[in-house]
Amino acid sequence: MYERVEVVPAVDLHDGQVVQLVGGEKGTGKTYGDPVAAAERWVAAGAETLHLVDLDGAFDGKRANAAAVDAISAAVDVELQLGGGIRTAADASSLLEAGVSRVILGTAAIEQPDLVGQIDDRHPGSVVVSLDAKGGEVVVAGWTETTGLEPAAAASRFEAAGAGGILFTDVDVEGQLEGIRETPVRSVAAAVDIPVIASGGVATLADIEALRRAGASAVVVGTALYEGAFTLEAAQAAIEGL
């Protein structure tokens, strides 16, 4: 899935603009402008993968930023992983056949576990299951509904179901620039053999190094990059230096 350990810039989409939420709460955070400009900026800085999230789709269950995703796909030549509002195998196949490298399933995977295998059968290795955790419990529907699932156990289950990777987001620290929590990531990474993509709370280069030591194969970074806490080049150098 990743030829090397990567720092992956987040391009989270709301109403056609780039935003970064705080703690996963709808209506919080800050807007960072045009998605294509953001994508081009990160690719110029050396990004090999972009992490796209249709936040409207995540909250409402229906993709709402398809035009922005299409524009990004046309503008840059890097791998794209996309989540938010993907609810069916047909949705996933359409995106993968249109050039998206990986689809990220959250709510749909929890509600329809067989969907992971259905997509993987047709597009091997293309499904990343998103496990977003609040208070140590997986949440869905744009982080608004609890599931009773423990993240490490859920990760193991979805690996067996055909997931090619796990996206683990620590929602409690998402977007706050107050640092990461290493233990939950370490627990998820220890439970599976497939790549774990860590997200949430990165504020410093030390946070990125800690996530790598915890077993992450990739680290998604949003607010810290947009706010200039460090450069993408410095972040990639830090993670490769371990």
Protein backbone atom coordinates (compact mmCIF):
# COMPACT_ATOMS: atom_id res chain seq x y z
CA MET A 1 0.00 0.00 0.00
CA TYR A 2 2.87 2.36 0.84
CA GLU A 3 6.28 1.85 -0.75
CA ARG A 4 7.81 3.72 2.18
CA VAL A 5 6.56 5.23 5.40
CA GLU A 6 4.68 8.39 4.45
CA VAL A 7 3.39 11.61 5.89
CA VAL A 8 0.07 12.13 4.11
CA PRO A 9 -1.48 15.62 3.96
CA ALA A 10 -5.20 15.79 4.69
CA VAL A 11 -7.55 17.61 2.35
CA ASP A 12 -10.85 17.57 4.23
CA LEU A 13 -13.75 18.93 2.21
CA HIS A 14 -16.82 20.83 3.40
CA ASP A 15 -19.04 22.84 1.05
CA GLY A 16 -16.34 22.65 -1.61
CA GLN A 17 -13.65 24.15 0.66
CA VAL A 18 -10.77 22.72 2.69
CA VAL A 19 -11.52 22.68 6.43
CA GLN A 20 -10.03 21.20 9.57
CA LEU A 21 -12.46 20.32 12.35
CA VAL A 22 -11.68 20.38 16.06
CA GLY A 23 -12.44 17.15 17.89
CA GLY A 24 -14.50 15.94 14.96
CA GLU A 25 -17.29 18.39 15.77
CA LYS A 26 -19.37 19.70 12.89
CA GLY A 27 -19.24 23.49 12.62
CA THR A 28 -15.86 23.81 14.35
CA GLY A 29 -12.44 24.49 12.93
CA LYS A 30 -11.10 26.71 10.22
CA THR A 31 -11.39 27.01 6.45
CA TYR A 32 -8.27 26.85 4.27
CA GLY A 33 -9.60 27.69 0.84
CA ASP A 34 -9.60 25.97 -2.52
CA PRO A 35 -9.08 22.17 -2.51
CA VAL A 36 -7.17 22.06 -5.79
CA ALA A 37 -4.77 24.75 -4.61
CA ALA A 38 -4.20 22.81 -1.39
CA ALA A 39 -3.63 19.55 -3.25
CA GLU A 40 -1.18 21.18 -5.64
CA ARG A 41 0.65 22.79 -2.75
CA TRP A 42 1.20 19.49 -0.97
CA VAL A 43 2.22 17.65 -4.11
CA ALA A 44 4.74 20.38 -4.91
CA ALA A 45 6.12 19.90 -1.40
CA GLY A 46 6.66 16.19 -2.06
CA ALA A 47 3.43 14.42 -1.09
CA GLU A 48 3.09 11.01 -2.70
CA THR A 49 -0.42 10.41 -1.35
CA LEU A 50 -3.28 12.76 -0.45
CA HIS A 51 -5.93 11.94 2.13
CA LEU A 52 -9.30 13.25 0.96
CA VAL A 53 -12.38 13.27 3.18
CA ASP A 54 -15.84 14.39 2.09
CA LEU A 55 -16.99 15.65 5.49
CA ASP A 56 -20.48 16.42 4.23
CA GLY A 57 -20.69 12.81 3.06
CA ALA A 58 -19.43 11.55 6.42
CA PHE A 59 -22.07 13.50 8.32
CA ASP A 60 -24.98 13.10 5.91
CA GLY A 61 -24.29 9.66 4.41
CA LYS A 62 -24.16 10.93 0.84
CA ARG A 63 -21.17 12.26 -1.08
CA ALA A 64 -21.44 16.01 -1.57
CA ASN A 65 -17.98 17.10 -2.73
CA ALA A 66 -17.59 14.92 -5.82
CA ALA A 67 -16.77 17.91 -8.01
CA ALA A 68 -13.89 18.93 -5.74
CA VAL A 69 -12.56 15.36 -5.69
CA ASP A 70 -12.75 15.16 -9.49
CA ALA A 71 -10.92 18.48 -9.80
CA ILE A 72 -8.14 17.31 -7.50
CA SER A 73 -7.81 14.03 -9.39
CA ALA A 74 -7.46 15.94 -12.65
CA ALA A 75 -4.91 18.38 -11.22
CA VAL A 76 -2.40 16.08 -9.50
CA ASP A 77 -0.69 12.79 -10.30
CA VAL A 78 -0.35 11.11 -6.90
CA GLU A 79 -2.26 8.42 -5.06
CA LEU A 80 -5.58 9.53 -3.60
CA GLN A 81 -7.35 7.85 -0.71
CA LEU A 82 -10.93 9.01 -0.27
CA GLY A 83 -13.50 8.61 2.46
CA GLY A 84 -16.82 10.10 3.44
CA GLY A 85 -20.24 9.03 2.19
CA ILE A 86 -19.11 5.86 0.39
CA ARG A 87 -21.87 3.44 1.27
CA THR A 88 -22.05 0.75 -1.45
CA ALA A 89 -19.81 -1.51 -3.50
CA ALA A 90 -20.99 0.33 -6.59
CA ASP A 91 -19.92 3.67 -5.08
CA ALA A 92 -16.49 2.25 -4.31
CA SER A 93 -16.00 0.60 -7.69
CA SER A 94 -16.99 3.78 -9.51
CA LEU A 95 -14.39 5.77 -7.60
CA LEU A 96 -11.64 3.18 -7.98
CA GLU A 97 -12.28 2.83 -11.70
CA ALA A 98 -12.20 6.64 -12.04
CA GLY A 99 -8.70 6.86 -10.58
CA VAL A 100 -9.01 6.95 -6.79
CA SER A 101 -6.32 4.65 -5.39
CA ARG A 102 -8.06 3.57 -2.19
CA VAL A 103 -11.52 3.98 -0.71
CA ILE A 104 -12.00 4.53 2.99
CA LEU A 105 -15.05 2.90 4.56
CA GLY A 106 -16.20 3.88 8.03
CA THR A 107 -19.91 3.74 8.76
CA ALA A 108 -20.55 1.43 5.81
CA ALA A 109 -17.97 -1.11 7.00
CA ILE A 110 -19.39 -1.17 10.52
CA GLU A 111 -22.98 -1.53 9.29
CA GLN A 112 -22.19 -3.88 6.38
CA PRO A 113 -18.99 -5.82 7.18
CA ASP A 114 -19.40 -8.01 4.08
CA LEU A 115 -18.97 -4.88 1.95
CA VAL A 116 -15.23 -4.91 2.62
CA GLY A 117 -14.80 -8.34 1.07
CA GLN A 118 -17.08 -7.54 -1.84
CA ILE A 119 -14.98 -4.56 -2.84
CA ASP A 120 -11.68 -6.33 -2.16
CA ASP A 121 -12.71 -9.24 -4.41
CA ARG A 122 -13.02 -6.86 -7.33
CA HIS A 123 -10.28 -4.39 -6.39
CA PRO A 124 -7.72 -6.23 -4.22
CA GLY A 125 -6.03 -4.19 -1.54
CA SER A 126 -8.08 -1.09 -2.23
CA VAL A 127 -10.19 -0.89 0.95
CA VAL A 128 -9.07 1.03 4.02
CA VAL A 129 -11.40 0.63 6.99
CA SER A 130 -11.68 3.78 9.06
CA LEU A 131 -11.85 3.24 12.80
CA ASP A 132 -12.51 6.57 14.48
CA ALA A 133 -12.31 6.42 18.27
CA LYS A 134 -13.82 8.61 20.98
CA GLY A 135 -13.25 7.59 24.56
CA GLY A 136 -11.72 4.32 23.42
CA GLU A 137 -14.79 3.32 21.39
CA VAL A 138 -15.32 3.28 17.61
CA VAL A 139 -17.77 5.95 16.47
CA VAL A 140 -19.53 6.36 13.11
CA ALA A 141 -21.82 8.73 11.19
CA GLY A 142 -19.35 11.60 11.25
CA TRP A 143 -18.23 10.73 14.80
CA THR A 144 -21.76 11.18 16.18
CA GLU A 145 -22.82 7.60 16.96
CA THR A 146 -21.15 5.07 19.26
CA THR A 147 -20.79 1.40 18.32
CA GLY A 148 -19.52 -0.38 21.42
CA LEU A 149 -16.53 -1.67 19.43
CA GLU A 150 -12.97 -1.58 20.76
CA PRO A 151 -10.60 -0.34 18.03
CA ALA A 152 -7.94 -3.08 18.15
CA ALA A 153 -10.52 -5.86 18.11
CA ALA A 154 -12.38 -4.19 15.25
CA ALA A 155 -9.13 -3.78 13.30
CA SER A 156 -8.39 -7.49 13.59
CA ARG A 157 -11.89 -8.36 12.45
CA PHE A 158 -11.67 -6.17 9.37
CA GLU A 159 -8.24 -7.47 8.44
CA ALA A 160 -9.83 -10.94 8.33
CA ALA A 161 -12.67 -9.52 6.21
CA GLY A 162 -10.28 -8.28 3.50
CA ALA A 163 -9.25 -4.77 4.47
CA GLY A 164 -5.97 -3.69 2.92
CA GLY A 165 -5.31 -1.13 5.65
CA ILE A 166 -6.73 0.48 8.78
CA LEU A 167 -7.13 4.22 9.24
CA PHE A 168 -7.15 4.91 12.97
CA THR A 169 -8.25 8.39 14.00
CA ASP A 170 -8.07 9.49 17.62
CA VAL A 171 -11.02 11.87 17.46
CA ASP A 172 -10.52 13.10 21.04
CA VAL A 173 -7.36 14.94 19.95
CA GLU A 174 -8.25 15.62 16.30
CA GLY A 175 -7.53 19.15 15.09
CA GLN A 176 -6.47 20.51 18.47
CA LEU A 177 -2.69 20.82 17.93
CA GLU A 178 -2.15 19.49 21.44
CA GLY A 179 -0.30 16.30 20.61
CA ILE A 180 -1.02 12.64 19.93
CA ARG A 181 -1.72 9.68 22.17
CA GLU A 182 0.65 6.88 21.32
CA THR A 183 -0.96 4.00 23.25
CA PRO A 184 -4.18 3.63 21.21
CA VAL A 185 -2.21 3.59 17.95
CA ARG A 186 0.22 1.02 19.32
CA SER A 187 -2.70 -1.20 20.35
CA VAL A 188 -4.29 -1.12 16.90
CA ALA A 189 -0.97 -1.66 15.09
CA ALA A 190 -0.15 -4.64 17.28
CA ALA A 191 -3.50 -6.27 16.44
CA VAL A 192 -2.98 -6.47 12.65
CA ASP A 193 -0.39 -7.19 9.98
CA ILE A 194 -1.81 -4.77 7.42
CA PRO A 195 -0.73 -1.09 7.32
CA VAL A 196 -2.13 1.22 9.98
CA ILE A 197 -2.58 4.87 9.02
CA ALA A 198 -2.58 7.09 12.10
CA SER A 199 -4.49 10.35 12.30
CA GLY A 200 -5.40 12.88 14.94
CA GLY A 201 -3.59 15.33 17.16
CA VAL A 202 -0.26 15.75 15.38
CA ALA A 203 1.29 19.03 16.51
CA THR A 204 5.05 18.49 16.29
CA LEU A 205 7.66 16.45 14.48
CA ALA A 206 8.07 14.48 17.72
CA ASP A 207 4.42 13.41 17.42
CA ILE A 208 5.10 11.99 13.96
CA GLU A 209 8.15 10.14 15.22
CA ALA A 210 6.12 8.72 18.12
CA LEU A 211 3.39 7.45 15.80
CA ARG A 212 5.97 5.74 13.63
CA ARG A 213 7.50 4.07 16.68
CA ALA A 214 4.00 2.98 17.68
CA GLY A 215 3.74 1.02 14.44
CA ALA A 216 2.05 3.39 11.98
CA SER A 217 2.90 2.85 8.31
CA ALA A 218 1.65 6.32 7.44
CA VAL A 219 0.63 9.44 9.34
CA VAL A 220 -2.12 11.78 8.17
CA VAL A 221 -1.45 15.41 9.06
CA GLY A 222 -3.90 18.26 8.65
CA THR A 223 -4.03 21.31 10.91
CA ALA A 224 -0.32 21.29 11.77
CA LEU A 225 0.61 21.57 8.11
CA TYR A 226 -2.00 24.19 7.29
CA GLU A 227 -0.99 26.28 10.30
CA GLY A 228 2.72 26.01 9.48
CA ALA A 229 3.79 24.14 12.62
CA PHE A 230 6.33 22.39 10.38
CA THR A 231 6.82 21.70 6.68
CA LEU A 232 5.87 18.55 4.87
CA GLU A 233 9.50 18.09 3.89
CA ALA A 234 10.60 18.23 7.52
CA ALA A 235 7.86 15.82 8.55
CA GLN A 236 8.81 13.26 5.92
CA ALA A 237 12.47 13.55 6.88
CA ALA A 238 11.59 12.97 10.52
CA ILE A 239 9.58 9.83 9.86
CA GLU A 240 12.19 8.41 7.49
CA GLY A 241 14.98 9.05 9.98
CA LEU A 242 13.76 6.47 12.48
